[in-house]
């Protein structure tokens, strides 16, 4: 067995095990970390297929940005795992059905690829790892799909920020709608008070003459 083939099988085994741990781990933070391991394993497989640009993009974008966003959302939301597990078996039939359909579709594509035999490889596929050729395809034939993906990522970022701004007991929060609807009467109250006479501090004080003592009474005869 060649060393390249050994690396392919090694990365594939790690990728499958990490993907299984993503959906079976009880802690969502552990699931996110196993997803990081799965991304690194997939990047290694792409590197073996001479798709260097896609491999680097997978590490930089998904591991460096998307997974950080996932961990940020998971830690900030403080999800109650016990409450979420209460309805697990209620959603299990639907999830199992969707998972089975996805597995059958992937198996059909892989089986068709192996049964097709050696097909003529177009000349452009020789530069599949070239950044220039990939950029031409993205911004010409797949420009609309690229823009839609960018909009979806933007909506995901806005949704993550909006979820962290929910009302919590340990953080200050105000409703923007209530702040817009506020009136002046709700904020300011005018109170009438009686005016009091006060001495002007600027005016000089007027000296007061001391009172003359009263004369003693005359003696009576």
N, C-alpha and C. Protein backbone atom coordinates (compact mmCIF):
# COMPACT_ATOMS: atom_id res chain seq x y z
N UNK A 1 0.84 -1.20 0.00
CA UNK A 1 0.00 0.00 0.00
C UNK A 1 0.88 1.25 0.00
N UNK A 2 0.57 2.17 -0.87
CA UNK A 2 1.33 3.41 -0.93
C UNK A 2 1.01 4.30 0.28
N UNK A 3 1.94 5.19 0.57
CA UNK A 3 1.75 6.08 1.71
C UNK A 3 0.58 7.03 1.47
N UNK A 4 0.35 7.45 0.23
CA UNK A 4 -0.78 8.32 -0.09
C UNK A 4 -2.10 7.61 0.16
N UNK A 5 -2.17 6.33 -0.21
CA UNK A 5 -3.39 5.56 0.03
C UNK A 5 -3.62 5.36 1.53
N UNK A 6 -2.53 5.12 2.27
CA UNK A 6 -2.66 4.97 3.72
C UNK A 6 -3.19 6.26 4.36
N UNK A 7 -2.69 7.41 3.91
CA UNK A 7 -3.19 8.68 4.44
C UNK A 7 -4.66 8.89 4.11
N UNK A 8 -5.06 8.48 2.92
CA UNK A 8 -6.47 8.64 2.53
C UNK A 8 -7.38 7.83 3.46
N UNK A 9 -7.02 6.58 3.70
CA UNK A 9 -7.85 5.74 4.58
C UNK A 9 -7.80 6.25 6.03
N UNK A 10 -6.65 6.74 6.46
CA UNK A 10 -6.54 7.26 7.83
C UNK A 10 -7.42 8.50 8.00
N UNK A 11 -7.34 9.43 7.06
CA UNK A 11 -8.20 10.62 7.13
C UNK A 11 -9.68 10.25 7.03
N UNK A 12 -9.99 9.26 6.23
CA UNK A 12 -11.39 8.85 6.05
C UNK A 12 -11.95 8.26 7.34
N UNK A 13 -11.17 7.41 8.01
CA UNK A 13 -11.63 6.81 9.26
C UNK A 13 -11.85 7.89 10.32
N UNK A 14 -10.89 8.81 10.43
CA UNK A 14 -11.04 9.89 11.42
C UNK A 14 -12.25 10.76 11.08
N UNK A 15 -12.47 11.01 9.80
CA UNK A 15 -13.61 11.83 9.38
C UNK A 15 -14.93 11.18 9.74
N UNK A 16 -15.06 9.88 9.49
CA UNK A 16 -16.30 9.17 9.79
C UNK A 16 -16.55 9.12 11.30
N UNK A 17 -15.51 8.82 12.07
CA UNK A 17 -15.67 8.75 13.53
C UNK A 17 -16.03 10.13 14.10
N UNK A 18 -15.37 11.17 13.61
CA UNK A 18 -15.68 12.52 14.10
C UNK A 18 -17.10 12.94 13.73
N UNK A 19 -17.53 12.56 12.52
CA UNK A 19 -18.91 12.89 12.12
C UNK A 19 -19.93 12.18 12.99
N UNK A 20 -19.65 10.92 13.35
CA UNK A 20 -20.55 10.20 14.24
C UNK A 20 -20.60 10.83 15.63
N UNK A 21 -19.46 11.30 16.12
CA UNK A 21 -19.43 11.94 17.44
C UNK A 21 -20.13 13.29 17.43
N UNK A 22 -20.19 13.93 16.28
CA UNK A 22 -20.90 15.21 16.20
C UNK A 22 -22.37 15.04 16.52
N UNK A 23 -22.97 13.95 16.07
CA UNK A 23 -24.41 13.74 16.28
C UNK A 23 -24.71 12.89 17.50
N UNK A 24 -23.69 12.31 18.13
CA UNK A 24 -23.94 11.46 19.30
C UNK A 24 -23.44 12.07 20.60
N UNK A 25 -22.60 13.09 20.54
CA UNK A 25 -22.08 13.70 21.77
C UNK A 25 -23.21 14.40 22.52
N UNK A 26 -23.20 14.28 23.84
CA UNK A 26 -24.24 14.89 24.66
C UNK A 26 -24.02 16.38 24.87
N UNK A 27 -22.77 16.78 24.91
CA UNK A 27 -22.45 18.20 25.11
C UNK A 27 -22.33 18.89 23.75
N UNK A 28 -23.05 20.00 23.52
CA UNK A 28 -22.96 20.68 22.22
C UNK A 28 -21.58 21.25 21.95
N UNK A 29 -20.84 21.64 22.98
CA UNK A 29 -19.48 22.14 22.77
C UNK A 29 -18.58 21.01 22.26
N UNK A 30 -18.74 19.82 22.81
CA UNK A 30 -17.97 18.67 22.32
C UNK A 30 -18.34 18.36 20.87
N UNK A 31 -19.61 18.48 20.52
CA UNK A 31 -20.04 18.25 19.13
C UNK A 31 -19.37 19.24 18.19
N UNK A 32 -19.28 20.50 18.60
CA UNK A 32 -18.63 21.50 17.76
C UNK A 32 -17.14 21.21 17.60
N UNK A 33 -16.48 20.74 18.65
CA UNK A 33 -15.06 20.41 18.55
C UNK A 33 -14.82 19.19 17.66
N UNK A 34 -15.70 18.20 17.74
CA UNK A 34 -15.59 17.06 16.83
C UNK A 34 -15.85 17.48 15.39
N UNK A 35 -16.71 18.47 15.20
CA UNK A 35 -16.92 18.99 13.84
C UNK A 35 -15.67 19.67 13.31
N UNK A 36 -14.93 20.34 14.17
CA UNK A 36 -13.64 20.91 13.77
C UNK A 36 -12.69 19.81 13.31
N UNK A 37 -12.65 18.72 14.05
CA UNK A 37 -11.80 17.58 13.66
C UNK A 37 -12.25 17.01 12.32
N UNK A 38 -13.55 16.93 12.10
CA UNK A 38 -14.06 16.44 10.81
C UNK A 38 -13.64 17.36 9.67
N UNK A 39 -13.69 18.68 9.89
CA UNK A 39 -13.27 19.62 8.85
C UNK A 39 -11.79 19.47 8.53
N UNK A 40 -10.97 19.30 9.55
CA UNK A 40 -9.54 19.12 9.30
C UNK A 40 -9.28 17.83 8.52
N UNK A 41 -10.01 16.77 8.84
CA UNK A 41 -9.82 15.51 8.11
C UNK A 41 -10.25 15.66 6.66
N UNK A 42 -11.37 16.34 6.42
CA UNK A 42 -11.81 16.57 5.04
C UNK A 42 -10.80 17.45 4.29
N UNK A 43 -10.22 18.43 4.98
CA UNK A 43 -9.20 19.26 4.34
C UNK A 43 -7.98 18.43 3.96
N UNK A 44 -7.61 17.47 4.79
CA UNK A 44 -6.49 16.60 4.44
C UNK A 44 -6.79 15.74 3.22
N UNK A 45 -8.02 15.26 3.10
CA UNK A 45 -8.39 14.47 1.91
C UNK A 45 -8.36 15.32 0.67
N UNK A 46 -8.84 16.55 0.76
CA UNK A 46 -8.80 17.45 -0.40
C UNK A 46 -7.36 17.78 -0.79
N UNK A 47 -6.50 17.87 0.21
CA UNK A 47 -5.09 18.11 -0.10
C UNK A 47 -4.48 16.94 -0.86
N UNK A 48 -4.89 15.73 -0.50
CA UNK A 48 -4.40 14.55 -1.25
C UNK A 48 -4.94 14.53 -2.68
N UNK A 49 -6.12 15.11 -2.90
CA UNK A 49 -6.71 15.18 -4.24
C UNK A 49 -6.20 16.37 -5.04
N UNK A 50 -5.18 17.06 -4.53
CA UNK A 50 -4.56 18.21 -5.19
C UNK A 50 -5.52 19.39 -5.33
N UNK A 51 -6.44 19.50 -4.39
CA UNK A 51 -7.32 20.67 -4.33
C UNK A 51 -6.86 21.53 -3.16
N UNK A 52 -5.69 22.14 -3.33
CA UNK A 52 -5.07 22.87 -2.22
C UNK A 52 -5.90 24.08 -1.81
N UNK A 53 -6.44 24.79 -2.78
CA UNK A 53 -7.21 26.00 -2.46
C UNK A 53 -8.45 25.66 -1.65
N UNK A 54 -9.17 24.62 -2.07
CA UNK A 54 -10.37 24.22 -1.33
C UNK A 54 -10.02 23.74 0.08
N UNK A 55 -8.90 23.08 0.21
CA UNK A 55 -8.48 22.61 1.53
C UNK A 55 -8.17 23.78 2.47
N UNK A 56 -7.45 24.77 1.97
CA UNK A 56 -7.12 25.93 2.80
C UNK A 56 -8.37 26.74 3.13
N UNK A 57 -9.27 26.87 2.16
CA UNK A 57 -10.51 27.61 2.40
C UNK A 57 -11.36 26.90 3.46
N UNK A 58 -11.39 25.58 3.42
CA UNK A 58 -12.15 24.83 4.41
C UNK A 58 -11.62 25.09 5.82
N UNK A 59 -10.31 25.14 5.96
CA UNK A 59 -9.72 25.38 7.29
C UNK A 59 -9.93 26.82 7.73
N UNK A 60 -9.69 27.77 6.83
CA UNK A 60 -9.76 29.18 7.21
C UNK A 60 -11.20 29.65 7.43
N UNK A 61 -12.10 29.26 6.52
CA UNK A 61 -13.47 29.78 6.57
C UNK A 61 -14.30 28.99 7.58
N UNK A 62 -14.36 27.68 7.43
CA UNK A 62 -15.25 26.88 8.28
C UNK A 62 -14.69 26.72 9.70
N UNK A 63 -13.42 26.37 9.79
CA UNK A 63 -12.85 26.18 11.12
C UNK A 63 -12.56 27.52 11.79
N UNK A 64 -12.04 28.47 11.03
CA UNK A 64 -11.65 29.74 11.63
C UNK A 64 -12.78 30.72 11.84
N UNK A 65 -13.88 30.61 11.08
CA UNK A 65 -14.96 31.59 11.18
C UNK A 65 -16.28 30.94 11.58
N UNK A 66 -16.73 29.97 10.81
CA UNK A 66 -18.05 29.38 11.05
C UNK A 66 -18.08 28.64 12.38
N UNK A 67 -17.04 27.86 12.67
CA UNK A 67 -17.04 27.11 13.92
C UNK A 67 -16.90 28.03 15.13
N UNK A 68 -16.17 29.12 14.97
CA UNK A 68 -16.11 30.10 16.07
C UNK A 68 -17.49 30.69 16.31
N UNK A 69 -18.23 30.94 15.23
CA UNK A 69 -19.60 31.44 15.37
C UNK A 69 -20.49 30.40 16.05
N UNK A 70 -20.34 29.13 15.69
CA UNK A 70 -21.12 28.07 16.33
C UNK A 70 -20.84 28.02 17.84
N UNK A 71 -19.56 28.03 18.19
CA UNK A 71 -19.21 27.99 19.62
C UNK A 71 -19.71 29.23 20.34
N UNK A 72 -19.64 30.38 19.69
CA UNK A 72 -20.14 31.62 20.30
C UNK A 72 -21.63 31.52 20.58
N UNK A 73 -22.38 31.00 19.60
CA UNK A 73 -23.83 30.89 19.77
C UNK A 73 -24.17 29.86 20.84
N UNK A 74 -23.49 28.72 20.84
CA UNK A 74 -23.78 27.66 21.81
C UNK A 74 -23.50 28.14 23.23
N UNK A 75 -22.38 28.85 23.42
CA UNK A 75 -22.03 29.30 24.76
C UNK A 75 -22.88 30.48 25.22
N UNK A 76 -23.25 31.36 24.31
CA UNK A 76 -24.03 32.53 24.70
C UNK A 76 -25.50 32.18 24.94
N UNK A 77 -26.02 31.20 24.21
CA UNK A 77 -27.43 30.85 24.38
C UNK A 77 -27.68 30.11 25.69
N UNK A 78 -26.66 29.43 26.21
CA UNK A 78 -26.82 28.66 27.45
C UNK A 78 -28.00 27.70 27.32
N UNK A 79 -27.91 26.82 26.32
CA UNK A 79 -29.02 25.92 25.99
C UNK A 79 -29.23 24.92 27.12
N UNK A 80 -30.49 24.71 27.46
CA UNK A 80 -30.85 23.71 28.47
C UNK A 80 -30.93 22.35 27.78
N UNK A 81 -29.88 21.55 27.95
CA UNK A 81 -29.80 20.27 27.24
C UNK A 81 -30.88 19.31 27.73
N UNK A 82 -31.14 19.29 29.01
CA UNK A 82 -32.13 18.36 29.55
C UNK A 82 -33.52 18.64 28.97
N UNK A 83 -33.86 19.90 28.81
CA UNK A 83 -35.17 20.24 28.26
C UNK A 83 -35.27 19.87 26.80
N UNK A 84 -34.17 20.00 26.06
CA UNK A 84 -34.18 19.65 24.64
C UNK A 84 -34.29 18.14 24.44
N UNK A 85 -33.74 17.36 25.35
CA UNK A 85 -33.78 15.91 25.19
C UNK A 85 -35.16 15.32 25.47
N UNK A 86 -36.02 16.11 26.08
CA UNK A 86 -37.36 15.57 26.39
C UNK A 86 -38.14 15.23 25.13
N UNK A 87 -37.99 16.01 24.07
CA UNK A 87 -38.73 15.74 22.84
C UNK A 87 -37.92 15.03 21.78
N UNK A 88 -36.85 14.30 22.20
CA UNK A 88 -35.99 13.63 21.22
C UNK A 88 -36.74 12.55 20.46
N UNK A 89 -37.42 11.67 21.18
CA UNK A 89 -38.09 10.55 20.52
C UNK A 89 -39.29 11.00 19.70
N UNK A 90 -39.79 12.18 19.96
CA UNK A 90 -40.88 12.70 19.12
C UNK A 90 -40.41 13.10 17.74
N UNK A 91 -39.17 13.61 17.65
CA UNK A 91 -38.61 14.00 16.35
C UNK A 91 -37.77 12.90 15.71
N UNK A 92 -37.55 11.79 16.42
CA UNK A 92 -36.68 10.74 15.89
C UNK A 92 -37.21 10.12 14.60
N UNK A 93 -38.50 9.79 14.46
CA UNK A 93 -38.95 9.19 13.19
C UNK A 93 -38.70 10.08 11.98
N UNK A 94 -38.98 11.39 12.11
CA UNK A 94 -38.73 12.30 10.99
C UNK A 94 -37.25 12.40 10.69
N UNK A 95 -36.41 12.52 11.74
CA UNK A 95 -34.98 12.61 11.51
C UNK A 95 -34.41 11.34 10.90
N UNK A 96 -34.89 10.17 11.35
CA UNK A 96 -34.42 8.91 10.77
C UNK A 96 -34.83 8.78 9.31
N UNK A 97 -36.03 9.25 8.97
CA UNK A 97 -36.48 9.18 7.57
C UNK A 97 -35.63 10.06 6.67
N UNK A 98 -35.38 11.30 7.11
CA UNK A 98 -34.54 12.20 6.32
C UNK A 98 -33.12 11.65 6.19
N UNK A 99 -32.57 11.12 7.28
CA UNK A 99 -31.23 10.55 7.22
C UNK A 99 -31.14 9.35 6.28
N UNK A 100 -32.17 8.51 6.29
CA UNK A 100 -32.17 7.36 5.39
C UNK A 100 -32.22 7.79 3.92
N UNK A 101 -33.03 8.80 3.63
CA UNK A 101 -33.11 9.31 2.25
C UNK A 101 -31.77 9.87 1.80
N UNK A 102 -31.09 10.62 2.68
CA UNK A 102 -29.78 11.17 2.32
C UNK A 102 -28.77 10.06 2.07
N UNK A 103 -28.76 9.03 2.91
CA UNK A 103 -27.82 7.92 2.73
C UNK A 103 -28.09 7.19 1.42
N UNK A 104 -29.36 6.97 1.09
CA UNK A 104 -29.69 6.29 -0.17
C UNK A 104 -29.28 7.13 -1.38
N UNK A 105 -29.49 8.44 -1.30
CA UNK A 105 -29.08 9.29 -2.42
C UNK A 105 -27.57 9.28 -2.61
N UNK A 106 -26.81 9.38 -1.52
CA UNK A 106 -25.36 9.34 -1.63
C UNK A 106 -24.87 7.98 -2.11
N UNK A 107 -25.50 6.92 -1.64
CA UNK A 107 -25.11 5.58 -2.11
C UNK A 107 -25.38 5.42 -3.59
N UNK A 108 -26.53 5.96 -4.06
CA UNK A 108 -26.83 5.88 -5.49
C UNK A 108 -25.82 6.64 -6.34
N UNK A 109 -25.41 7.83 -5.88
CA UNK A 109 -24.42 8.61 -6.63
C UNK A 109 -23.08 7.89 -6.66
N UNK A 110 -22.65 7.34 -5.51
CA UNK A 110 -21.37 6.64 -5.47
C UNK A 110 -21.41 5.37 -6.32
N UNK A 111 -22.51 4.63 -6.25
CA UNK A 111 -22.63 3.41 -7.05
C UNK A 111 -22.61 3.72 -8.54
N UNK A 112 -23.30 4.80 -8.92
CA UNK A 112 -23.30 5.20 -10.33
C UNK A 112 -21.91 5.63 -10.77
N UNK A 113 -21.15 6.28 -9.88
CA UNK A 113 -19.80 6.70 -10.24
C UNK A 113 -18.87 5.52 -10.44
N UNK A 114 -19.01 4.48 -9.62
CA UNK A 114 -18.16 3.30 -9.79
C UNK A 114 -18.56 2.47 -11.00
N UNK A 115 -19.83 2.47 -11.33
CA UNK A 115 -20.30 1.68 -12.47
C UNK A 115 -20.05 2.36 -13.79
N UNK A 116 -19.77 3.67 -13.77
CA UNK A 116 -19.60 4.41 -15.02
C UNK A 116 -18.33 4.06 -15.76
N UNK A 117 -17.31 3.55 -15.05
CA UNK A 117 -16.06 3.21 -15.70
C UNK A 117 -15.18 4.43 -15.89
N UNK A 118 -14.15 4.28 -16.65
CA UNK A 118 -13.22 5.38 -16.92
C UNK A 118 -13.83 6.32 -17.95
N UNK A 119 -14.09 7.52 -17.52
CA UNK A 119 -14.66 8.52 -18.42
C UNK A 119 -13.55 9.45 -18.89
N UNK A 120 -13.83 10.13 -19.98
CA UNK A 120 -12.86 11.08 -20.51
C UNK A 120 -12.81 12.31 -19.60
N UNK A 121 -11.66 12.57 -19.08
CA UNK A 121 -11.49 13.70 -18.19
C UNK A 121 -11.24 14.94 -19.03
N UNK A 122 -12.02 15.99 -18.88
CA UNK A 122 -11.78 17.21 -19.67
C UNK A 122 -10.47 17.86 -19.28
N UNK A 123 -9.95 18.65 -20.21
CA UNK A 123 -8.64 19.27 -19.98
C UNK A 123 -8.69 20.29 -18.86
N UNK A 124 -9.84 20.91 -18.63
CA UNK A 124 -9.92 21.95 -17.61
C UNK A 124 -9.77 21.37 -16.21
N UNK A 125 -10.05 20.06 -16.05
CA UNK A 125 -9.98 19.46 -14.73
C UNK A 125 -8.54 19.35 -14.24
N UNK A 126 -7.58 19.50 -15.13
CA UNK A 126 -6.19 19.45 -14.70
C UNK A 126 -5.83 20.64 -13.83
N UNK A 127 -6.58 21.74 -13.97
CA UNK A 127 -6.31 22.94 -13.17
C UNK A 127 -7.37 23.15 -12.10
N UNK A 128 -7.97 22.04 -11.62
CA UNK A 128 -9.05 22.18 -10.64
C UNK A 128 -8.54 22.79 -9.35
N UNK A 129 -7.25 22.60 -9.04
CA UNK A 129 -6.70 23.19 -7.84
C UNK A 129 -6.18 24.60 -8.03
N UNK A 130 -6.28 25.13 -9.24
CA UNK A 130 -5.79 26.45 -9.54
C UNK A 130 -6.79 27.49 -9.07
N UNK A 131 -6.33 28.47 -8.33
CA UNK A 131 -7.22 29.50 -7.81
C UNK A 131 -7.80 30.34 -8.93
N UNK A 132 -7.07 30.58 -9.95
CA UNK A 132 -7.56 31.40 -11.06
C UNK A 132 -8.71 30.72 -11.79
N UNK A 133 -8.57 29.42 -12.08
CA UNK A 133 -9.64 28.69 -12.75
C UNK A 133 -10.88 28.60 -11.87
N UNK A 134 -10.68 28.39 -10.56
CA UNK A 134 -11.81 28.32 -9.65
C UNK A 134 -12.53 29.66 -9.56
N UNK A 135 -11.77 30.75 -9.53
CA UNK A 135 -12.39 32.07 -9.50
C UNK A 135 -13.19 32.36 -10.75
N UNK A 136 -12.71 31.92 -11.90
CA UNK A 136 -13.46 32.12 -13.15
C UNK A 136 -14.80 31.39 -13.10
N UNK A 137 -14.80 30.16 -12.57
CA UNK A 137 -16.06 29.42 -12.49
C UNK A 137 -17.03 30.05 -11.49
N UNK A 138 -16.51 30.50 -10.36
CA UNK A 138 -17.39 31.05 -9.32
C UNK A 138 -18.05 32.33 -9.80
N UNK A 139 -17.27 33.22 -10.44
CA UNK A 139 -17.79 34.54 -10.81
C UNK A 139 -18.35 34.59 -12.23
N UNK A 140 -18.48 33.45 -12.88
CA UNK A 140 -19.11 33.42 -14.21
C UNK A 140 -20.33 32.49 -14.21
N UNK A 141 -20.09 31.20 -14.07
CA UNK A 141 -21.19 30.24 -14.16
C UNK A 141 -21.96 30.10 -12.85
N UNK A 142 -21.27 30.28 -11.71
CA UNK A 142 -21.91 30.06 -10.41
C UNK A 142 -22.00 31.35 -9.59
N UNK A 143 -22.12 32.49 -10.25
CA UNK A 143 -22.13 33.75 -9.53
C UNK A 143 -23.40 33.90 -8.69
N UNK A 144 -24.56 33.44 -9.21
CA UNK A 144 -25.80 33.56 -8.44
C UNK A 144 -25.78 32.65 -7.21
N UNK A 145 -25.29 31.44 -7.37
CA UNK A 145 -25.18 30.55 -6.22
C UNK A 145 -24.21 31.11 -5.19
N UNK A 146 -23.14 31.75 -5.64
CA UNK A 146 -22.18 32.34 -4.72
C UNK A 146 -22.81 33.50 -3.95
N UNK A 147 -23.59 34.33 -4.63
CA UNK A 147 -24.25 35.45 -3.95
C UNK A 147 -25.32 34.97 -2.97
N UNK A 148 -26.05 33.91 -3.35
CA UNK A 148 -27.07 33.36 -2.44
C UNK A 148 -26.42 32.81 -1.18
N UNK A 149 -25.29 32.13 -1.34
CA UNK A 149 -24.58 31.61 -0.17
C UNK A 149 -24.10 32.74 0.73
N UNK A 150 -23.65 33.85 0.13
CA UNK A 150 -23.21 34.99 0.93
C UNK A 150 -24.37 35.59 1.71
N UNK A 151 -25.55 35.68 1.08
CA UNK A 151 -26.72 36.23 1.78
C UNK A 151 -27.14 35.31 2.93
N UNK A 152 -27.08 33.99 2.70
CA UNK A 152 -27.45 33.04 3.76
C UNK A 152 -26.51 33.18 4.96
N UNK A 153 -25.22 33.33 4.70
CA UNK A 153 -24.27 33.51 5.80
C UNK A 153 -24.52 34.82 6.54
N UNK A 154 -24.89 35.88 5.80
CA UNK A 154 -25.21 37.15 6.45
C UNK A 154 -26.43 37.03 7.35
N UNK A 155 -27.46 36.33 6.86
CA UNK A 155 -28.66 36.12 7.67
C UNK A 155 -28.33 35.31 8.91
N UNK A 156 -27.45 34.32 8.78
CA UNK A 156 -27.06 33.51 9.94
C UNK A 156 -26.34 34.35 10.98
N UNK A 157 -25.49 35.28 10.54
CA UNK A 157 -24.78 36.14 11.49
C UNK A 157 -25.75 37.06 12.22
N UNK A 158 -26.69 37.65 11.46
CA UNK A 158 -27.68 38.55 12.08
C UNK A 158 -28.56 37.77 13.06
N UNK A 159 -28.94 36.55 12.70
CA UNK A 159 -29.77 35.74 13.60
C UNK A 159 -29.02 35.38 14.87
N UNK A 160 -27.73 35.07 14.74
CA UNK A 160 -26.94 34.75 15.94
C UNK A 160 -26.83 35.95 16.87
N UNK A 161 -26.63 37.13 16.31
CA UNK A 161 -26.55 38.34 17.15
C UNK A 161 -27.90 38.63 17.79
N UNK A 162 -28.98 38.43 17.04
CA UNK A 162 -30.32 38.69 17.58
C UNK A 162 -30.66 37.72 18.72
N UNK A 163 -30.20 36.49 18.62
CA UNK A 163 -30.47 35.52 19.68
C UNK A 163 -29.74 35.87 20.97
N UNK A 164 -28.56 36.45 20.85
CA UNK A 164 -27.82 36.81 22.05
C UNK A 164 -28.38 38.04 22.73
N UNK A 165 -29.24 38.80 22.07
CA UNK A 165 -29.81 40.01 22.65
C UNK A 165 -31.16 39.77 23.29
N UNK A 166 -31.46 38.51 23.63
CA UNK A 166 -32.74 38.23 24.25
C UNK A 166 -32.73 38.75 25.69
N UNK A 167 -33.91 38.79 26.29
CA UNK A 167 -34.02 39.31 27.65
C UNK A 167 -33.46 38.30 28.64
N UNK A 168 -32.47 38.71 29.39
CA UNK A 168 -31.84 37.88 30.39
C UNK A 168 -31.83 38.62 31.72
N UNK A 169 -31.81 37.86 32.80
CA UNK A 169 -31.82 38.46 34.13
C UNK A 169 -30.47 39.06 34.50
N UNK A 170 -29.40 38.50 33.95
CA UNK A 170 -28.08 38.97 34.34
C UNK A 170 -27.51 40.01 33.38
N UNK A 171 -28.32 40.56 32.49
CA UNK A 171 -27.84 41.57 31.56
C UNK A 171 -28.92 42.63 31.36
N UNK A 172 -28.48 43.83 31.09
CA UNK A 172 -29.42 44.92 30.85
C UNK A 172 -29.98 44.81 29.44
N UNK A 173 -31.28 45.02 29.33
CA UNK A 173 -31.94 44.86 28.03
C UNK A 173 -33.11 45.84 27.95
N UNK A 174 -33.32 46.40 26.80
CA UNK A 174 -34.48 47.24 26.57
C UNK A 174 -35.03 46.93 25.18
N UNK A 175 -36.33 47.06 25.07
CA UNK A 175 -36.99 46.77 23.80
C UNK A 175 -36.91 48.00 22.90
N UNK A 176 -36.36 47.90 21.72
CA UNK A 176 -36.29 49.06 20.82
C UNK A 176 -37.68 49.59 20.46
N UNK A 177 -38.66 48.71 20.32
CA UNK A 177 -40.02 49.17 19.98
C UNK A 177 -40.61 50.03 21.09
N UNK A 178 -40.36 49.64 22.35
CA UNK A 178 -40.85 50.44 23.47
C UNK A 178 -40.14 51.79 23.55
N UNK A 179 -38.85 51.82 23.20
CA UNK A 179 -38.12 53.09 23.21
C UNK A 179 -38.62 54.04 22.13
N UNK A 180 -39.04 53.51 20.99
CA UNK A 180 -39.55 54.35 19.91
C UNK A 180 -40.93 54.90 20.26
N UNK A 181 -41.76 54.11 20.92
CA UNK A 181 -43.12 54.53 21.24
C UNK A 181 -43.23 55.41 22.47
N UNK A 182 -42.15 55.68 23.17
CA UNK A 182 -42.23 56.44 24.40
C UNK A 182 -42.63 57.88 24.10
N UNK A 183 -43.35 58.52 25.04
CA UNK A 183 -43.80 59.90 24.91
C UNK A 183 -43.12 60.75 25.98
N UNK A 184 -43.20 62.08 25.74
CA UNK A 184 -42.55 62.98 26.69
C UNK A 184 -43.20 62.93 28.06
N UNK A 185 -44.52 62.69 28.09
CA UNK A 185 -45.21 62.62 29.38
C UNK A 185 -44.77 61.42 30.21
N UNK A 186 -44.26 60.38 29.54
CA UNK A 186 -43.79 59.21 30.28
C UNK A 186 -42.41 59.41 30.88
N UNK A 187 -41.66 60.37 30.38
CA UNK A 187 -40.29 60.59 30.83
C UNK A 187 -40.13 61.81 31.73
N UNK A 188 -40.95 62.88 31.49
CA UNK A 188 -40.79 64.14 32.21
C UNK A 188 -42.08 64.44 32.96
N UNK A 189 -41.97 64.84 34.23
CA UNK A 189 -43.12 65.25 35.02
C UNK A 189 -42.87 66.65 35.58
N UNK A 190 -43.77 67.53 35.30
CA UNK A 190 -43.64 68.93 35.74
C UNK A 190 -44.36 69.08 37.08
N UNK A 191 -43.64 69.57 38.06
CA UNK A 191 -44.17 69.76 39.41
C UNK A 191 -44.18 71.25 39.72
N UNK A 192 -45.30 71.78 40.16
CA UNK A 192 -45.42 73.19 40.54
C UNK A 192 -45.05 73.35 42.02
N UNK A 193 -44.18 74.31 42.28
CA UNK A 193 -43.74 74.58 43.64
C UNK A 193 -43.83 76.07 43.91
N UNK A 194 -44.10 76.45 45.16
CA UNK A 194 -44.16 77.85 45.55
C UNK A 194 -42.77 78.46 45.53
N UNK A 195 -42.72 79.70 45.03
CA UNK A 195 -41.43 80.39 44.98
C UNK A 195 -41.09 80.95 46.35
N UNK A 196 -39.86 80.96 46.71
CA UNK A 196 -39.38 81.48 47.98
C UNK A 196 -38.45 82.66 47.73
N UNK A 197 -38.62 83.72 48.60
CA UNK A 197 -37.78 84.91 48.46
C UNK A 197 -36.37 84.61 48.96
N UNK A 198 -35.43 84.90 48.15
CA UNK A 198 -34.03 84.67 48.51
C UNK A 198 -33.23 85.94 48.32
N UNK A 199 -32.22 86.14 49.14
CA UNK A 199 -31.37 87.31 49.04
C UNK A 199 -30.45 87.16 47.84
N UNK A 200 -30.36 88.25 47.11
CA UNK A 200 -29.50 88.23 45.94
C UNK A 200 -28.05 88.20 46.40
N UNK A 201 -27.28 87.21 46.06
CA UNK A 201 -25.89 87.17 46.53
C UNK A 201 -25.02 88.26 45.94
N UNK A 202 -25.45 88.89 44.84
CA UNK A 202 -24.63 89.93 44.21
C UNK A 202 -24.79 91.27 44.91
N UNK A 203 -26.02 91.58 45.38
CA UNK A 203 -26.28 92.88 46.01
C UNK A 203 -25.55 92.98 47.35
N UNK A 204 -24.95 94.19 47.66
CA UNK A 204 -24.22 94.33 48.95
C UNK A 204 -25.19 94.37 50.11
N UNK A 205 -24.73 93.88 51.21
CA UNK A 205 -25.57 93.85 52.41
C UNK A 205 -25.66 95.26 53.00
N UNK A 206 -26.85 95.67 53.44
CA UNK A 206 -27.07 97.00 54.05
C UNK A 206 -26.78 96.91 55.53
N UNK A 207 -25.87 97.79 56.06
CA UNK A 207 -25.57 97.70 57.50
C UNK A 207 -26.75 98.20 58.32
N UNK A 208 -26.96 97.56 59.39
CA UNK A 208 -28.08 97.89 60.28
C UNK A 208 -27.51 98.58 61.52
N UNK A 209 -28.07 99.78 61.87
CA UNK A 209 -27.58 100.52 63.06
C UNK A 209 -28.01 99.81 64.32
N UNK A 210 -27.12 99.81 65.32
CA UNK A 210 -27.49 99.12 66.57
C UNK A 210 -28.58 99.90 67.30
N UNK A 211 -29.42 99.19 67.94
CA UNK A 211 -30.53 99.82 68.67
C UNK A 211 -30.02 100.56 69.90
N UNK A 212 -30.56 101.80 70.14
CA UNK A 212 -30.16 102.58 71.31
C UNK A 212 -30.83 102.02 72.55
N UNK A 213 -30.09 101.98 73.66
CA UNK A 213 -30.70 101.42 74.87
C UNK A 213 -31.77 102.35 75.43
N UNK A 214 -32.77 101.83 75.96
CA UNK A 214 -33.88 102.63 76.54
C UNK A 214 -33.47 103.32 77.84
N UNK A 215 -33.99 104.52 78.02
CA UNK A 215 -33.66 105.27 79.27
C UNK A 215 -34.32 104.63 80.46
N UNK A 216 -33.66 104.67 81.63
CA UNK A 216 -34.28 104.04 82.81
C UNK A 216 -35.51 104.85 83.26
N UNK A 217 -36.47 104.28 83.85
CA UNK A 217 -37.68 105.02 84.26
C UNK A 217 -37.39 105.97 85.41
N UNK A 218 -38.14 107.11 85.44
CA UNK A 218 -37.93 108.12 86.50
C UNK A 218 -38.52 107.62 87.80
N UNK A 219 -37.90 107.94 88.91
CA UNK A 219 -38.44 107.47 90.19
C UNK A 219 -39.75 108.18 90.53
N UNK A 220 -40.62 107.50 91.13
CA UNK A 220 -41.93 108.05 91.49
C UNK A 220 -41.81 108.77 92.83
N UNK A 221 -42.53 109.88 92.92
CA UNK A 221 -42.60 110.66 94.16
C UNK A 221 -43.72 110.13 95.05
